[in-house]
């Protein structure tokens, strides 16, 4: 994204970076569900963290969308 950074506002650049990080976090959580022999407590913890991450993605995506419409 560094090539495009000079064409985007600093706010949008930061928001996109944060969105990328949250997407990666969500993917990591989804991959954790593939681990064999998870206990019920571990599954519940991952699902709880996944719910928070997805909610954050929804909120953050809406903010990024607003910034993109300003272009």
N, C-alpha and C. Protein backbone atom coordinates (compact mmCIF):
# COMPACT_ATOMS: atom_id res chain seq x y z
N UNK A 1 0.82 -1.19 0.00
CA UNK A 1 0.00 0.00 0.00
C UNK A 1 0.86 1.26 0.00
N UNK A 2 2.15 1.14 0.20
CA UNK A 2 3.01 2.31 0.29
C UNK A 2 3.05 3.12 -1.00
N UNK A 3 2.87 2.49 -2.14
CA UNK A 3 2.87 3.20 -3.42
C UNK A 3 1.67 4.13 -3.51
N UNK A 4 0.56 3.71 -2.98
CA UNK A 4 -0.68 4.48 -3.05
C UNK A 4 -0.77 5.50 -1.93
N UNK A 5 -0.02 5.33 -0.86
CA UNK A 5 -0.13 6.20 0.31
C UNK A 5 -0.03 7.68 -0.04
N UNK A 6 0.81 8.05 -1.00
CA UNK A 6 0.96 9.46 -1.32
C UNK A 6 -0.26 10.03 -2.03
N UNK A 7 -1.16 9.19 -2.49
CA UNK A 7 -2.38 9.65 -3.16
C UNK A 7 -3.59 9.65 -2.22
N UNK A 8 -3.45 9.06 -1.04
CA UNK A 8 -4.54 8.96 -0.08
C UNK A 8 -4.28 9.90 1.08
N UNK A 9 -5.35 10.29 1.73
CA UNK A 9 -5.20 11.13 2.91
C UNK A 9 -4.54 10.31 4.02
N UNK A 10 -3.85 10.97 4.93
CA UNK A 10 -3.25 10.25 6.06
C UNK A 10 -4.31 9.49 6.87
N UNK A 11 -5.49 10.06 6.98
CA UNK A 11 -6.57 9.39 7.72
C UNK A 11 -6.95 8.08 7.05
N UNK A 12 -7.17 8.13 5.75
CA UNK A 12 -7.56 6.92 5.02
C UNK A 12 -6.44 5.89 5.04
N UNK A 13 -5.21 6.33 4.92
CA UNK A 13 -4.08 5.41 4.97
C UNK A 13 -4.04 4.68 6.31
N UNK A 14 -4.23 5.42 7.38
CA UNK A 14 -4.25 4.82 8.72
C UNK A 14 -5.41 3.86 8.87
N UNK A 15 -6.59 4.28 8.42
CA UNK A 15 -7.78 3.43 8.53
C UNK A 15 -7.61 2.12 7.75
N UNK A 16 -7.02 2.21 6.57
CA UNK A 16 -6.81 1.00 5.76
C UNK A 16 -5.80 0.07 6.41
N UNK A 17 -4.79 0.64 7.01
CA UNK A 17 -3.80 -0.17 7.71
C UNK A 17 -4.44 -0.89 8.90
N UNK A 18 -5.27 -0.17 9.65
CA UNK A 18 -5.95 -0.78 10.79
C UNK A 18 -6.94 -1.85 10.33
N UNK A 19 -7.61 -1.60 9.21
CA UNK A 19 -8.55 -2.59 8.67
C UNK A 19 -7.81 -3.86 8.25
N UNK A 20 -6.67 -3.69 7.60
CA UNK A 20 -5.85 -4.84 7.21
C UNK A 20 -5.45 -5.66 8.43
N UNK A 21 -5.01 -4.97 9.48
CA UNK A 21 -4.59 -5.66 10.71
C UNK A 21 -5.75 -6.43 11.33
N UNK A 22 -6.94 -5.84 11.33
CA UNK A 22 -8.09 -6.52 11.91
C UNK A 22 -8.51 -7.71 11.05
N UNK A 23 -8.41 -7.57 9.73
CA UNK A 23 -8.70 -8.71 8.85
C UNK A 23 -7.76 -9.87 9.14
N UNK A 24 -6.49 -9.57 9.30
CA UNK A 24 -5.51 -10.62 9.61
C UNK A 24 -5.81 -11.28 10.95
N UNK A 25 -6.22 -10.47 11.91
CA UNK A 25 -6.59 -11.00 13.22
C UNK A 25 -7.78 -11.95 13.10
N UNK A 26 -8.76 -11.56 12.30
CA UNK A 26 -9.95 -12.39 12.09
C UNK A 26 -9.57 -13.71 11.43
N UNK A 27 -8.72 -13.64 10.44
CA UNK A 27 -8.27 -14.85 9.75
C UNK A 27 -7.55 -15.79 10.72
N UNK A 28 -6.70 -15.23 11.57
CA UNK A 28 -5.98 -16.05 12.56
C UNK A 28 -6.96 -16.76 13.49
N UNK A 29 -8.00 -16.04 13.91
CA UNK A 29 -8.99 -16.66 14.78
C UNK A 29 -9.73 -17.78 14.07
N UNK A 30 -10.07 -17.57 12.82
CA UNK A 30 -10.76 -18.61 12.05
C UNK A 30 -9.86 -19.85 11.92
N UNK A 31 -8.58 -19.62 11.69
CA UNK A 31 -7.64 -20.74 11.59
C UNK A 31 -7.51 -21.49 12.92
N UNK A 32 -7.64 -20.78 14.02
CA UNK A 32 -7.56 -21.44 15.33
C UNK A 32 -8.68 -22.47 15.49
N UNK A 33 -9.80 -22.25 14.84
CA UNK A 33 -10.90 -23.21 14.93
C UNK A 33 -10.58 -24.51 14.21
N UNK A 34 -9.56 -24.51 13.37
CA UNK A 34 -9.14 -25.72 12.66
C UNK A 34 -8.24 -26.61 13.50
N UNK A 35 -7.78 -26.10 14.64
CA UNK A 35 -6.88 -26.88 15.50
C UNK A 35 -7.64 -28.05 16.11
N UNK A 36 -7.06 -29.21 16.00
CA UNK A 36 -7.70 -30.40 16.57
C UNK A 36 -7.60 -30.40 18.09
N UNK A 37 -8.52 -31.05 18.70
CA UNK A 37 -8.53 -31.29 20.15
C UNK A 37 -8.66 -30.02 20.99
N UNK A 38 -9.38 -29.02 20.46
CA UNK A 38 -9.66 -27.84 21.27
C UNK A 38 -10.68 -28.22 22.34
N UNK A 39 -10.49 -27.68 23.51
CA UNK A 39 -11.48 -27.92 24.57
C UNK A 39 -12.70 -27.02 24.30
N UNK A 40 -13.79 -27.34 24.96
CA UNK A 40 -15.00 -26.52 24.80
C UNK A 40 -14.71 -25.08 25.22
N UNK A 41 -13.94 -24.92 26.28
CA UNK A 41 -13.60 -23.57 26.76
C UNK A 41 -12.77 -22.81 25.72
N UNK A 42 -11.84 -23.49 25.09
CA UNK A 42 -11.02 -22.85 24.06
C UNK A 42 -11.87 -22.45 22.86
N UNK A 43 -12.79 -23.32 22.48
CA UNK A 43 -13.68 -23.01 21.36
C UNK A 43 -14.53 -21.79 21.70
N UNK A 44 -15.07 -21.75 22.91
CA UNK A 44 -15.88 -20.61 23.33
C UNK A 44 -15.07 -19.33 23.33
N UNK A 45 -13.83 -19.40 23.79
CA UNK A 45 -12.96 -18.22 23.81
C UNK A 45 -12.69 -17.71 22.40
N UNK A 46 -12.37 -18.63 21.49
CA UNK A 46 -12.09 -18.24 20.10
C UNK A 46 -13.34 -17.65 19.47
N UNK A 47 -14.49 -18.28 19.69
CA UNK A 47 -15.74 -17.76 19.11
C UNK A 47 -16.09 -16.38 19.68
N UNK A 48 -15.82 -16.18 20.96
CA UNK A 48 -16.05 -14.88 21.56
C UNK A 48 -15.15 -13.82 20.94
N UNK A 49 -13.86 -14.16 20.81
CA UNK A 49 -12.91 -13.24 20.19
C UNK A 49 -13.27 -12.98 18.73
N UNK A 50 -13.74 -13.99 18.05
CA UNK A 50 -14.15 -13.86 16.66
C UNK A 50 -15.35 -12.93 16.53
N UNK A 51 -16.29 -13.04 17.44
CA UNK A 51 -17.46 -12.15 17.44
C UNK A 51 -17.03 -10.69 17.60
N UNK A 52 -16.11 -10.46 18.53
CA UNK A 52 -15.61 -9.10 18.74
C UNK A 52 -14.89 -8.59 17.50
N UNK A 53 -14.05 -9.44 16.91
CA UNK A 53 -13.29 -9.06 15.73
C UNK A 53 -14.20 -8.74 14.55
N UNK A 54 -15.20 -9.54 14.34
CA UNK A 54 -16.13 -9.32 13.22
C UNK A 54 -16.93 -8.03 13.44
N UNK A 55 -17.34 -7.80 14.67
CA UNK A 55 -18.06 -6.57 14.99
C UNK A 55 -17.17 -5.36 14.72
N UNK A 56 -15.91 -5.47 15.11
CA UNK A 56 -14.96 -4.39 14.86
C UNK A 56 -14.77 -4.18 13.36
N UNK A 57 -14.71 -5.27 12.60
CA UNK A 57 -14.58 -5.16 11.14
C UNK A 57 -15.76 -4.42 10.54
N UNK A 58 -16.96 -4.75 10.99
CA UNK A 58 -18.15 -4.08 10.47
C UNK A 58 -18.10 -2.58 10.72
N UNK A 59 -17.77 -2.20 11.94
CA UNK A 59 -17.72 -0.80 12.31
C UNK A 59 -16.61 -0.08 11.55
N UNK A 60 -15.46 -0.69 11.54
CA UNK A 60 -14.30 -0.08 10.89
C UNK A 60 -14.52 0.03 9.38
N UNK A 61 -15.14 -0.97 8.78
CA UNK A 61 -15.42 -0.95 7.35
C UNK A 61 -16.35 0.21 6.98
N UNK A 62 -17.31 0.48 7.83
CA UNK A 62 -18.23 1.59 7.58
C UNK A 62 -17.48 2.92 7.58
N UNK A 63 -16.53 3.07 8.48
CA UNK A 63 -15.75 4.30 8.55
C UNK A 63 -14.86 4.44 7.31
N UNK A 64 -14.23 3.35 6.91
CA UNK A 64 -13.40 3.36 5.70
C UNK A 64 -14.26 3.70 4.48
N UNK A 65 -15.43 3.14 4.42
CA UNK A 65 -16.34 3.40 3.30
C UNK A 65 -16.68 4.89 3.22
N UNK A 66 -16.95 5.52 4.35
CA UNK A 66 -17.24 6.95 4.38
C UNK A 66 -16.06 7.75 3.84
N UNK A 67 -14.85 7.38 4.25
CA UNK A 67 -13.65 8.08 3.78
C UNK A 67 -13.45 7.89 2.27
N UNK A 68 -13.75 6.70 1.79
CA UNK A 68 -13.60 6.45 0.35
C UNK A 68 -14.59 7.28 -0.46
N UNK A 69 -15.78 7.48 0.06
CA UNK A 69 -16.77 8.28 -0.65
C UNK A 69 -16.36 9.75 -0.74
N UNK A 70 -15.48 10.18 0.14
CA UNK A 70 -15.00 11.56 0.13
C UNK A 70 -14.01 11.82 -1.00
N UNK A 71 -13.46 10.76 -1.57
CA UNK A 71 -12.44 10.93 -2.63
C UNK A 71 -13.03 11.50 -3.90
